[in-house]
N, C-alpha and C. Protein backbone atom coordinates (compact mmCIF):
# COMPACT_ATOMS: atom_id res chain seq x y z
N UNK A 1 0.83 -1.31 0.06
CA UNK A 1 -0.03 0.04 0.25
C UNK A 1 0.90 1.10 0.00
N UNK A 2 0.61 2.13 -0.89
CA UNK A 2 1.34 3.32 -0.98
C UNK A 2 0.65 4.40 -0.27
N UNK A 3 1.26 4.78 0.80
CA UNK A 3 0.94 5.57 1.93
C UNK A 3 1.94 6.72 2.26
N UNK A 4 1.54 7.87 2.98
CA UNK A 4 2.43 8.86 3.24
C UNK A 4 1.84 9.73 4.31
N UNK A 5 2.77 10.21 5.12
CA UNK A 5 2.19 11.32 6.05
C UNK A 5 3.31 12.45 6.15
N UNK A 6 2.82 13.60 5.92
CA UNK A 6 3.67 14.58 5.91
C UNK A 6 3.24 15.93 6.65
N UNK A 7 4.01 16.47 7.39
CA UNK A 7 3.77 17.62 8.00
C UNK A 7 4.71 18.84 7.68
N UNK A 8 4.08 19.90 7.20
CA UNK A 8 4.96 20.99 6.81
C UNK A 8 4.54 22.27 7.47
N UNK A 9 5.47 22.84 8.39
CA UNK A 9 5.08 23.93 9.13
C UNK A 9 6.17 25.19 8.87
N UNK A 10 5.58 26.37 8.59
CA UNK A 10 6.36 27.58 8.21
C UNK A 10 5.73 28.43 9.17
N UNK A 11 6.49 29.91 9.00
CA UNK A 11 5.93 30.89 9.89
C UNK A 11 4.48 31.39 9.46
N UNK A 12 4.08 30.87 8.20
CA UNK A 12 2.95 31.50 7.66
C UNK A 12 1.63 30.48 7.59
N UNK A 13 2.17 28.95 7.70
CA UNK A 13 0.99 28.01 7.65
C UNK A 13 1.53 26.79 8.37
N UNK A 14 0.70 25.84 8.67
CA UNK A 14 0.95 24.52 9.32
C UNK A 14 0.02 23.60 8.48
N UNK A 15 0.56 22.63 7.63
CA UNK A 15 -0.10 21.82 6.72
C UNK A 15 0.23 20.25 7.21
N UNK A 16 -0.89 19.37 7.46
CA UNK A 16 -0.47 18.09 7.75
C UNK A 16 -1.51 17.25 6.88
N UNK A 17 -0.78 16.28 6.19
CA UNK A 17 -1.42 15.44 5.14
C UNK A 17 -1.12 13.96 5.36
N UNK A 18 -2.35 13.12 5.25
CA UNK A 18 -2.08 11.71 5.34
C UNK A 18 -2.81 11.23 4.35
N UNK A 19 -2.11 10.49 3.44
CA UNK A 19 -2.40 9.98 2.01
C UNK A 19 -2.32 8.32 1.88
N UNK A 20 -3.43 7.93 1.21
CA UNK A 20 -3.23 6.69 0.76
C UNK A 20 -3.71 6.60 -0.60
N UNK A 21 -2.72 6.14 -1.69
CA UNK A 21 -3.18 6.32 -2.94
C UNK A 21 -4.09 5.22 -3.50
N UNK A 22 -3.91 3.90 -2.72
CA UNK A 22 -4.90 2.85 -2.90
C UNK A 22 -6.06 3.08 -1.92
N UNK A 23 -6.86 4.09 -2.21
CA UNK A 23 -8.12 4.37 -1.38
C UNK A 23 -9.41 4.30 -1.94
N UNK A 24 -10.41 4.91 -1.60
CA UNK A 24 -11.72 4.86 -2.24
C UNK A 24 -12.12 6.35 -2.35
N UNK A 25 -11.29 7.20 -2.15
CA UNK A 25 -11.86 8.54 -2.27
C UNK A 25 -12.44 9.09 -1.10
N UNK A 26 -12.05 8.44 0.01
CA UNK A 26 -12.56 9.28 1.19
C UNK A 26 -11.70 10.16 1.73
N UNK A 27 -12.25 11.23 2.47
CA UNK A 27 -11.38 12.23 3.04
C UNK A 27 -11.85 12.80 4.09
N UNK A 28 -11.01 13.51 4.76
CA UNK A 28 -11.33 14.44 5.80
C UNK A 28 -10.50 15.76 5.69
N UNK A 29 -11.03 16.75 5.19
CA UNK A 29 -10.36 18.08 4.74
C UNK A 29 -10.77 18.95 5.64
N UNK A 30 -9.64 19.92 6.21
CA UNK A 30 -10.17 21.02 7.01
C UNK A 30 -9.17 22.13 6.67
N UNK A 31 -9.79 23.05 6.03
CA UNK A 31 -8.99 24.44 5.78
C UNK A 31 -10.15 25.49 6.39
N UNK A 32 -9.64 26.71 6.35
CA UNK A 32 -10.31 27.88 6.64
C UNK A 32 -11.22 28.46 5.46
N UNK A 33 -10.95 27.99 4.32
CA UNK A 33 -11.46 28.50 2.98
C UNK A 33 -12.47 27.32 2.55
N UNK A 34 -13.77 27.72 2.66
CA UNK A 34 -15.00 26.89 2.41
C UNK A 34 -14.71 26.04 0.93
N UNK A 35 -14.69 26.96 -0.12
CA UNK A 35 -14.75 26.54 -1.59
C UNK A 35 -13.33 25.64 -1.75
N UNK A 36 -12.29 26.09 -1.07
CA UNK A 36 -11.02 25.35 -1.40
C UNK A 36 -11.12 24.02 -0.89
N UNK A 37 -11.68 23.95 0.42
CA UNK A 37 -12.03 22.46 1.24
C UNK A 37 -12.73 21.77 0.20
N UNK A 38 -13.80 22.36 -0.56
CA UNK A 38 -14.69 21.55 -1.35
C UNK A 38 -13.92 21.01 -2.73
N UNK A 39 -12.96 21.81 -3.02
CA UNK A 39 -12.14 21.28 -4.27
C UNK A 39 -11.05 20.33 -3.70
N UNK A 40 -10.69 20.23 -2.69
CA UNK A 40 -9.99 19.17 -2.32
C UNK A 40 -10.62 17.89 -1.89
N UNK A 41 -11.76 18.09 -1.57
CA UNK A 41 -12.68 16.80 -1.39
C UNK A 41 -12.97 16.36 -2.62
N UNK A 42 -13.41 17.19 -3.66
CA UNK A 42 -13.41 16.73 -5.03
C UNK A 42 -12.27 16.02 -5.67
N UNK A 43 -11.08 16.61 -5.27
CA UNK A 43 -9.97 15.85 -5.70
C UNK A 43 -9.84 14.50 -5.30
N UNK A 44 -10.08 14.39 -3.95
CA UNK A 44 -9.86 13.23 -3.44
C UNK A 44 -10.89 12.02 -3.93
N UNK A 45 -12.04 12.58 -4.23
CA UNK A 45 -13.27 11.78 -4.37
C UNK A 45 -12.88 11.06 -5.92
N UNK A 46 -12.35 12.13 -6.90
CA UNK A 46 -12.24 11.55 -8.22
C UNK A 46 -11.00 10.90 -8.61
N UNK A 47 -9.96 11.09 -7.58
CA UNK A 47 -8.46 10.43 -7.70
C UNK A 47 -8.76 9.13 -7.02
N UNK A 48 -9.77 8.85 -6.15
CA UNK A 48 -9.74 7.61 -5.48
C UNK A 48 -8.86 7.50 -4.42
N UNK A 49 -8.18 8.66 -4.04
CA UNK A 49 -7.19 8.62 -3.02
C UNK A 49 -7.85 9.00 -1.77
N UNK A 50 -7.47 8.44 -0.45
CA UNK A 50 -8.08 8.69 0.79
C UNK A 50 -6.97 9.70 1.20
N UNK A 51 -7.61 10.74 1.75
CA UNK A 51 -6.75 11.92 2.07
C UNK A 51 -7.37 12.57 3.37
N UNK A 52 -6.59 12.98 4.40
CA UNK A 52 -6.68 13.62 5.67
C UNK A 52 -5.71 14.69 5.52
N UNK A 53 -6.46 16.05 5.58
CA UNK A 53 -5.48 17.02 5.31
C UNK A 53 -6.23 18.27 6.36
N UNK A 54 -5.25 18.84 7.14
CA UNK A 54 -5.57 19.84 8.04
C UNK A 54 -4.80 21.06 7.87
N UNK A 55 -5.11 22.19 7.47
CA UNK A 55 -4.51 23.50 7.18
C UNK A 55 -4.81 24.48 8.00
N UNK A 56 -3.72 25.19 8.70
CA UNK A 56 -4.09 26.22 9.40
C UNK A 56 -3.10 27.35 8.98
N UNK A 57 -3.47 28.73 9.04
CA UNK A 57 -2.74 29.81 8.53
C UNK A 57 -3.61 31.20 8.77
N UNK A 58 -2.98 32.19 8.74
CA UNK A 58 -3.49 33.35 8.64
C UNK A 58 -4.13 33.76 7.36
N UNK A 59 -5.45 33.82 7.26
CA UNK A 59 -5.92 34.12 5.72
C UNK A 59 -6.69 35.49 5.92
N UNK A 60 -6.38 36.28 6.96
CA UNK A 60 -7.08 37.61 7.05
C UNK A 60 -6.51 38.50 5.94
N UNK A 61 -5.35 38.68 5.79
CA UNK A 61 -4.77 39.46 4.97
C UNK A 61 -4.91 38.91 3.40
N UNK A 62 -4.29 37.60 3.37
CA UNK A 62 -4.03 36.81 2.21
C UNK A 62 -4.38 35.42 2.31
N UNK A 63 -4.83 34.74 1.25
CA UNK A 63 -4.84 33.38 1.25
C UNK A 63 -3.71 32.62 0.64
N UNK A 64 -2.87 33.55 0.01
CA UNK A 64 -1.69 32.90 -0.67
C UNK A 64 -0.84 31.76 -0.17
N UNK A 65 -0.31 32.24 0.96
CA UNK A 65 0.61 31.00 1.60
C UNK A 65 -0.19 29.77 2.06
N UNK A 66 -1.31 29.94 2.59
CA UNK A 66 -2.12 28.61 2.87
C UNK A 66 -2.23 27.84 1.69
N UNK A 67 -2.86 28.47 0.74
CA UNK A 67 -3.22 27.47 -0.56
C UNK A 67 -1.91 27.00 -1.26
N UNK A 68 -1.08 27.76 -1.35
CA UNK A 68 0.20 27.38 -2.02
C UNK A 68 1.01 26.28 -1.46
N UNK A 69 0.89 26.54 0.04
CA UNK A 69 1.42 25.44 0.81
C UNK A 69 0.66 24.02 0.92
N UNK A 70 -0.59 24.14 0.90
CA UNK A 70 -1.41 22.92 0.56
C UNK A 70 -1.02 22.10 -0.60
N UNK A 71 -0.67 22.98 -1.54
CA UNK A 71 -0.29 22.36 -3.00
C UNK A 71 1.20 21.74 -2.72
N UNK A 72 2.10 22.40 -2.03
CA UNK A 72 3.45 21.83 -1.93
C UNK A 72 3.28 20.79 -1.05
N UNK A 73 2.37 20.64 0.10
CA UNK A 73 2.57 19.51 1.02
C UNK A 73 1.95 18.25 0.54
N UNK A 74 0.84 18.50 -0.25
CA UNK A 74 0.10 17.36 -1.00
C UNK A 74 1.12 17.00 -1.96
N UNK A 75 1.60 17.66 -2.65
CA UNK A 75 2.41 17.06 -3.78
C UNK A 75 3.66 16.18 -2.94
N UNK A 76 4.19 16.73 -1.95
CA UNK A 76 5.27 15.97 -1.19
C UNK A 76 4.75 14.55 -0.67
N UNK A 77 3.32 14.70 -0.38
CA UNK A 77 3.04 13.42 0.16
C UNK A 77 2.90 12.43 -0.91
N UNK A 78 2.40 12.87 -2.10
CA UNK A 78 2.32 11.99 -3.32
C UNK A 78 3.69 11.43 -3.73
N UNK A 79 4.76 12.21 -3.59
CA UNK A 79 6.14 11.98 -3.90
C UNK A 79 6.56 10.78 -3.05
N UNK A 80 6.31 11.09 -1.60
CA UNK A 80 6.68 9.97 -0.80
C UNK A 80 5.98 8.77 -0.71
N UNK A 81 4.88 8.74 -1.04
CA UNK A 81 3.95 7.45 -1.41
C UNK A 81 4.26 6.74 -2.33
N UNK A 82 4.87 7.34 -3.55
CA UNK A 82 5.25 6.74 -4.81
C UNK A 82 6.66 6.23 -4.62
N UNK A 83 7.37 6.59 -3.68
CA UNK A 83 8.64 6.04 -3.58
C UNK A 83 9.70 6.37 -4.89
N UNK A 84 10.27 5.20 -5.40
CA UNK A 84 10.99 5.34 -6.41
C UNK A 84 10.41 5.33 -7.75
N UNK A 85 9.01 5.22 -7.74
CA UNK A 85 8.15 5.51 -9.05
C UNK A 85 8.12 4.10 -9.71
N UNK A 86 8.55 2.86 -9.35
CA UNK A 86 8.46 1.64 -9.88
C UNK A 86 7.13 1.15 -10.39
N UNK A 87 6.92 0.94 -11.84
CA UNK A 87 5.83 0.42 -12.12
C UNK A 87 4.60 1.37 -12.64
N UNK A 88 4.69 2.68 -12.18
CA UNK A 88 3.71 3.46 -12.50
C UNK A 88 3.66 3.90 -14.07
N UNK A 89 2.35 4.36 -14.36
CA UNK A 89 2.24 4.93 -15.54
C UNK A 89 3.05 6.07 -15.88
N UNK A 90 3.34 6.80 -14.96
CA UNK A 90 3.87 8.05 -14.79
C UNK A 90 3.37 9.29 -15.44
N UNK A 91 2.64 9.09 -16.60
CA UNK A 91 1.81 10.22 -17.19
C UNK A 91 0.37 9.83 -17.23
N UNK A 92 -0.52 10.92 -17.14
CA UNK A 92 -1.84 10.85 -17.14
C UNK A 92 -2.53 12.22 -17.72
N UNK A 93 -3.75 11.94 -18.37
CA UNK A 93 -4.35 13.04 -18.79
C UNK A 93 -6.00 12.88 -18.69
N UNK A 94 -6.63 14.04 -18.79
CA UNK A 94 -8.19 13.90 -18.75
C UNK A 94 -8.84 15.17 -19.36
N UNK A 95 -9.87 14.90 -20.07
CA UNK A 95 -10.66 15.97 -20.26
C UNK A 95 -12.00 15.93 -19.52
N UNK A 96 -12.42 17.13 -18.80
CA UNK A 96 -13.35 16.99 -18.10
C UNK A 96 -14.54 18.18 -18.12
N UNK A 97 -15.87 17.48 -18.98
CA UNK A 97 -16.70 18.45 -18.85
C UNK A 97 -17.54 18.82 -17.65
N UNK A 98 -18.10 20.04 -17.43
CA UNK A 98 -19.01 20.36 -16.07
C UNK A 98 -19.75 21.33 -16.51
N UNK A 99 -20.99 20.95 -17.07
CA UNK A 99 -21.97 21.82 -17.53
C UNK A 99 -21.31 22.73 -18.54
N UNK A 100 -21.23 24.04 -18.29
CA UNK A 100 -20.72 25.03 -19.26
C UNK A 100 -19.22 24.95 -19.46
N UNK A 101 -18.71 24.33 -18.57
CA UNK A 101 -17.11 24.35 -18.39
C UNK A 101 -16.48 23.01 -19.03
N UNK A 102 -15.09 23.25 -19.48
CA UNK A 102 -14.67 22.07 -20.11
C UNK A 102 -13.07 22.27 -19.77
N UNK A 103 -12.62 21.38 -18.96
CA UNK A 103 -11.11 21.64 -18.66
C UNK A 103 -10.20 20.38 -19.05
N UNK A 104 -8.99 20.66 -19.37
CA UNK A 104 -8.14 19.72 -19.68
C UNK A 104 -6.89 19.82 -18.76
N UNK A 105 -6.43 18.47 -18.59
CA UNK A 105 -5.16 18.51 -17.47
C UNK A 105 -4.31 17.09 -17.87
N UNK A 106 -2.95 17.40 -17.84
CA UNK A 106 -2.24 16.37 -18.18
C UNK A 106 -0.95 16.49 -17.15
N UNK A 107 -0.54 15.35 -16.60
CA UNK A 107 0.37 15.28 -15.66
C UNK A 107 1.56 14.45 -16.09
N UNK A 108 2.84 14.67 -15.74
CA UNK A 108 3.97 13.72 -16.04
C UNK A 108 4.69 13.74 -14.67
N UNK A 109 4.88 12.66 -13.88
CA UNK A 109 5.53 12.61 -12.78
C UNK A 109 7.03 12.17 -13.09
N UNK A 110 7.77 13.08 -13.59
CA UNK A 110 8.98 12.81 -14.27
C UNK A 110 10.18 13.30 -13.74
N UNK A 111 9.97 13.77 -12.41
CA UNK A 111 11.18 14.43 -11.81
C UNK A 111 11.48 15.67 -11.89
N UNK A 112 10.69 16.67 -12.53
CA UNK A 112 10.98 17.88 -12.89
C UNK A 112 9.77 18.67 -12.76
N UNK A 113 9.76 19.82 -12.07
CA UNK A 113 8.88 20.71 -11.76
C UNK A 113 8.38 21.65 -12.92
N UNK A 114 7.35 21.66 -13.40
CA UNK A 114 6.83 22.76 -14.30
C UNK A 114 5.34 22.73 -14.28
N UNK A 115 4.85 23.97 -14.36
CA UNK A 115 3.48 24.30 -14.49
C UNK A 115 3.08 25.03 -15.81
N UNK A 116 2.27 24.58 -16.83
CA UNK A 116 1.49 25.21 -17.54
C UNK A 116 0.10 25.67 -17.40
N UNK A 117 -0.24 26.92 -17.31
CA UNK A 117 -1.55 27.20 -16.59
C UNK A 117 -2.14 28.20 -17.64
N UNK A 118 -3.39 27.70 -18.21
CA UNK A 118 -4.08 28.71 -19.19
C UNK A 118 -5.51 28.65 -18.64
N UNK A 119 -5.95 29.48 -17.76
CA UNK A 119 -7.46 29.65 -17.36
C UNK A 119 -7.68 31.19 -16.95
N UNK A 120 -8.67 31.52 -17.46
CA UNK A 120 -9.26 32.83 -17.08
C UNK A 120 -10.53 32.82 -16.27
N UNK A 121 -10.59 33.60 -15.14
CA UNK A 121 -11.65 33.89 -14.41
C UNK A 121 -12.28 35.14 -14.36
N UNK A 122 -13.70 35.27 -14.43
CA UNK A 122 -14.35 36.65 -14.34
C UNK A 122 -14.11 37.49 -12.97
N UNK A 123 -14.14 36.64 -12.02
CA UNK A 123 -14.45 37.15 -10.66
C UNK A 123 -13.09 36.88 -9.92
N UNK A 124 -12.53 37.82 -9.10
CA UNK A 124 -11.62 37.56 -8.26
C UNK A 124 -11.89 36.46 -7.13
N UNK A 125 -12.99 36.50 -6.52
CA UNK A 125 -13.35 35.50 -5.53
C UNK A 125 -14.52 34.76 -6.14
N UNK A 126 -14.45 33.41 -5.59
CA UNK A 126 -15.52 32.40 -5.97
C UNK A 126 -15.81 31.81 -4.52
N UNK A 127 -16.94 32.05 -4.04
CA UNK A 127 -17.41 31.27 -2.84
C UNK A 127 -16.21 31.78 -1.65
N UNK A 128 -15.66 32.99 -1.60
CA UNK A 128 -14.79 33.16 -0.56
C UNK A 128 -13.40 33.02 -0.93
N UNK A 129 -13.05 32.28 -2.03
CA UNK A 129 -11.79 31.69 -2.32
C UNK A 129 -11.16 32.72 -3.55
N UNK A 130 -10.03 32.97 -3.24
CA UNK A 130 -9.19 33.89 -4.32
C UNK A 130 -8.95 33.10 -5.72
N UNK A 131 -9.47 33.40 -6.59
CA UNK A 131 -9.31 32.77 -7.99
C UNK A 131 -7.97 32.80 -8.45
N UNK A 132 -7.30 33.91 -8.16
CA UNK A 132 -5.89 33.83 -8.39
C UNK A 132 -4.91 32.70 -7.96
N UNK A 133 -5.51 32.20 -6.90
CA UNK A 133 -4.83 31.17 -6.09
C UNK A 133 -4.82 29.90 -6.95
N UNK A 134 -5.77 29.54 -7.67
CA UNK A 134 -5.80 28.27 -8.35
C UNK A 134 -4.47 27.88 -8.99
N UNK A 135 -3.83 28.93 -9.91
CA UNK A 135 -2.46 28.49 -10.49
C UNK A 135 -1.54 28.26 -9.30
N UNK A 136 -1.63 29.18 -8.01
CA UNK A 136 -0.43 28.97 -7.04
C UNK A 136 -0.65 27.40 -6.36
N UNK A 137 -1.96 27.05 -6.37
CA UNK A 137 -1.85 25.67 -5.66
C UNK A 137 -1.31 24.63 -6.73
N UNK A 138 -1.61 24.78 -8.07
CA UNK A 138 -1.08 23.70 -8.83
C UNK A 138 0.53 23.88 -9.06
N UNK A 139 1.10 25.20 -9.13
CA UNK A 139 2.53 25.39 -9.10
C UNK A 139 3.09 24.70 -7.77
N UNK A 140 2.72 24.90 -6.55
CA UNK A 140 3.13 24.34 -5.35
C UNK A 140 3.04 22.77 -5.53
N UNK A 141 1.92 22.36 -6.05
CA UNK A 141 1.69 20.70 -6.25
C UNK A 141 2.89 20.19 -7.08
N UNK A 142 3.05 20.79 -8.35
CA UNK A 142 4.21 20.45 -9.24
C UNK A 142 5.52 20.67 -8.77
N UNK A 143 5.72 21.58 -7.69
CA UNK A 143 7.05 21.74 -6.97
C UNK A 143 7.10 20.45 -6.06
N UNK A 144 5.98 20.21 -5.13
CA UNK A 144 6.21 19.28 -4.28
C UNK A 144 6.50 17.82 -4.85
N UNK A 145 5.72 17.53 -5.66
CA UNK A 145 5.87 16.28 -6.41
C UNK A 145 6.92 15.81 -7.57
N UNK A 146 7.57 17.24 -7.95
CA UNK A 146 8.55 17.09 -8.96
C UNK A 146 7.84 16.45 -10.23
N UNK A 147 6.95 17.16 -10.62
CA UNK A 147 6.08 16.66 -11.81
C UNK A 147 5.87 17.95 -12.97
N UNK A 148 5.54 17.60 -14.01
CA UNK A 148 5.12 18.59 -14.88
C UNK A 148 3.43 18.51 -15.00
N UNK A 149 2.92 19.62 -15.04
CA UNK A 149 1.49 19.78 -14.87
C UNK A 149 1.00 20.75 -15.84
N UNK A 150 -0.16 20.44 -16.61
CA UNK A 150 -0.46 21.44 -17.57
C UNK A 150 -2.01 21.51 -17.56
N UNK A 151 -2.65 22.55 -17.38
CA UNK A 151 -4.05 23.00 -17.07
C UNK A 151 -4.71 23.89 -18.05
N UNK A 152 -5.60 23.51 -18.84
CA UNK A 152 -6.12 24.16 -19.66
C UNK A 152 -7.59 24.31 -19.42
N UNK A 153 -8.30 25.60 -19.42
CA UNK A 153 -9.76 25.63 -19.39
C UNK A 153 -10.39 26.10 -20.86
N UNK A 154 -10.96 25.38 -21.44
CA UNK A 154 -11.06 25.47 -22.88
C UNK A 154 -12.57 26.21 -23.06
N UNK A 155 -13.37 26.17 -22.06
CA UNK A 155 -14.64 26.82 -22.30
C UNK A 155 -15.31 27.16 -20.73
N UNK A 156 -16.24 27.74 -20.74
CA UNK A 156 -17.08 27.82 -19.37
C UNK A 156 -17.45 29.33 -19.10
N UNK A 157 -18.61 29.39 -18.46
CA UNK A 157 -19.12 30.66 -18.06
C UNK A 157 -19.07 30.93 -16.64
N UNK A 158 -19.41 29.79 -15.99
CA UNK A 158 -19.40 29.93 -14.49
C UNK A 158 -17.85 29.75 -13.85
N UNK A 159 -17.28 30.55 -13.25
CA UNK A 159 -15.94 30.32 -12.50
C UNK A 159 -16.02 29.36 -11.68
N UNK A 160 -17.15 28.88 -10.87
CA UNK A 160 -17.23 27.84 -10.01
C UNK A 160 -17.12 26.47 -10.72
N UNK A 161 -17.68 26.39 -11.84
CA UNK A 161 -17.73 25.02 -12.87
C UNK A 161 -16.43 25.23 -13.43
N UNK A 162 -15.63 26.12 -13.74
CA UNK A 162 -14.45 26.06 -14.32
C UNK A 162 -13.40 25.52 -13.44
N UNK A 163 -13.34 26.11 -12.17
CA UNK A 163 -12.27 25.78 -11.30
C UNK A 163 -12.74 24.13 -10.88
N UNK A 164 -13.93 23.84 -10.54
CA UNK A 164 -14.31 22.32 -10.40
C UNK A 164 -13.98 21.30 -11.30
N UNK A 165 -14.13 21.74 -12.69
CA UNK A 165 -13.75 21.06 -13.72
C UNK A 165 -12.25 20.80 -13.63
N UNK A 166 -11.59 21.67 -13.41
CA UNK A 166 -9.98 21.49 -13.46
C UNK A 166 -9.57 20.77 -12.30
N UNK A 167 -10.10 20.98 -11.05
CA UNK A 167 -9.78 19.91 -10.11
C UNK A 167 -10.11 18.27 -10.41
N UNK A 168 -11.36 18.27 -10.96
CA UNK A 168 -11.71 17.07 -11.39
C UNK A 168 -10.91 16.48 -12.55
N UNK A 169 -10.43 17.10 -13.37
CA UNK A 169 -9.72 16.64 -14.67
C UNK A 169 -8.23 16.31 -13.96
N UNK A 170 -7.84 16.99 -12.98
CA UNK A 170 -6.41 16.99 -12.37
C UNK A 170 -6.56 15.57 -11.56
N UNK A 171 -7.60 15.41 -10.72
CA UNK A 171 -7.75 14.10 -10.07
C UNK A 171 -7.76 12.94 -10.96
N UNK A 172 -8.32 12.99 -11.99
CA UNK A 172 -8.41 11.80 -13.15
C UNK A 172 -7.10 11.53 -13.77
N UNK A 173 -6.21 12.58 -13.78
CA UNK A 173 -5.10 12.59 -14.39
C UNK A 173 -4.08 11.96 -13.39
N UNK A 174 -4.12 12.52 -12.27
CA UNK A 174 -3.22 11.94 -11.12
C UNK A 174 -3.63 10.48 -11.09
N UNK A 175 -4.91 9.94 -10.86
CA UNK A 175 -5.17 8.56 -11.03
C UNK A 175 -4.42 7.76 -12.04
N UNK A 176 -4.61 8.22 -13.29
CA UNK A 176 -3.84 7.41 -14.47
C UNK A 176 -2.52 7.46 -14.18
N UNK A 177 -1.78 8.60 -13.59
CA UNK A 177 -0.35 8.56 -13.71
C UNK A 177 0.15 7.90 -12.65
N UNK A 178 -0.51 7.53 -11.35
CA UNK A 178 -0.07 7.05 -10.30
C UNK A 178 -0.56 5.50 -10.41
N UNK A 179 -1.37 5.08 -11.20
CA UNK A 179 -1.83 3.79 -11.36
C UNK A 179 -0.70 2.76 -11.96
N UNK A 180 -0.53 1.68 -11.67
CA UNK A 180 0.40 0.66 -11.92
C UNK A 180 0.16 0.06 -13.15
N UNK A 181 1.21 -0.31 -14.17
CA UNK A 181 0.94 -1.14 -15.17
C UNK A 181 1.59 -2.47 -14.88
N UNK A 182 1.00 -3.58 -14.96
CA UNK A 182 1.39 -4.93 -14.45
C UNK A 182 2.64 -5.29 -15.48
N UNK A 183 2.61 -4.82 -16.71
CA UNK A 183 3.83 -5.34 -17.66
C UNK A 183 5.17 -4.53 -17.04
N UNK A 184 4.90 -3.38 -16.13
CA UNK A 184 6.12 -2.87 -15.94
C UNK A 184 6.89 -3.54 -14.60
N UNK A 185 5.81 -4.18 -13.69
CA UNK A 185 6.48 -4.83 -12.61
C UNK A 185 7.32 -3.81 -11.75
N UNK A 186 8.60 -3.98 -11.55
CA UNK A 186 9.27 -3.16 -10.67
C UNK A 186 10.03 -2.04 -11.58
N UNK A 187 9.84 -2.01 -12.69
CA UNK A 187 10.61 -1.29 -13.58
C UNK A 187 10.45 0.37 -13.57
N UNK A 188 11.24 1.20 -13.69
CA UNK A 188 11.08 2.55 -13.61
C UNK A 188 10.81 3.09 -14.82
N UNK A 189 9.73 3.85 -15.04
CA UNK A 189 9.39 4.41 -16.32
C UNK A 189 10.03 5.57 -16.98
N UNK A 190 11.56 5.10 -17.14
CA UNK A 190 12.31 6.22 -17.75
C UNK A 190 13.25 5.69 -18.31
N UNK A 191 13.96 6.27 -19.58
CA UNK A 191 15.03 5.57 -20.35
C UNK A 191 16.47 5.90 -19.58
N UNK A 192 16.22 6.74 -18.53
CA UNK A 192 17.43 7.15 -17.51
C UNK A 192 17.56 6.07 -16.57
N UNK A 193 16.65 5.12 -16.53
CA UNK A 193 16.90 4.11 -15.33
C UNK A 193 16.54 4.55 -13.89
N UNK A 194 16.08 5.98 -13.89
CA UNK A 194 15.66 6.58 -12.51
C UNK A 194 14.88 7.73 -12.89
N UNK A 195 14.15 8.19 -11.92
CA UNK A 195 13.32 9.46 -11.80
C UNK A 195 13.85 10.37 -10.77
N UNK A 196 14.51 11.31 -11.01
CA UNK A 196 15.07 12.09 -10.08
C UNK A 196 14.17 12.65 -9.12
N UNK A 197 14.68 12.45 -7.73
CA UNK A 197 13.80 12.73 -6.73
C UNK A 197 14.43 13.81 -5.67
């Protein structure tokens, strides 16, 4: 069973994550930002990972540090749970429609951190969540996991639907990338013979 526990504490936030990749999508998420909590719950449900996450930090002035640090810590938990990456698909992608919205996400857990992000939101806040920070969350996740992540929102009227479609597409992409291929057995999915950690 691929599991990990990570606690990351800084002067700006304290994030604790418990992750089981072979889960059923169960979660217990606690953050001070309701809509962000909902998105993390959505990620757990659609990735089929079991996640317990507690995030504390001062959001009175700005939510940036808390949201980015959640991305970093969750990415680190996946990195630890995946270990040497033996037998995984490594890459995953998904196109997710949600009513008026259409989001595309692709992931490569290849040992290098990079984010491509192309999404536009009409409002600065969605349910109290700063929409500027969607990109910061995924940037942090890419950093914590050492992965390439590409996010595109191709259509959408509702910011809520666009953001939720992104998190669902990302969840499905991660599910595919973390899944094991029986033909790979203990092999590393890289011509280099290892994935830089």
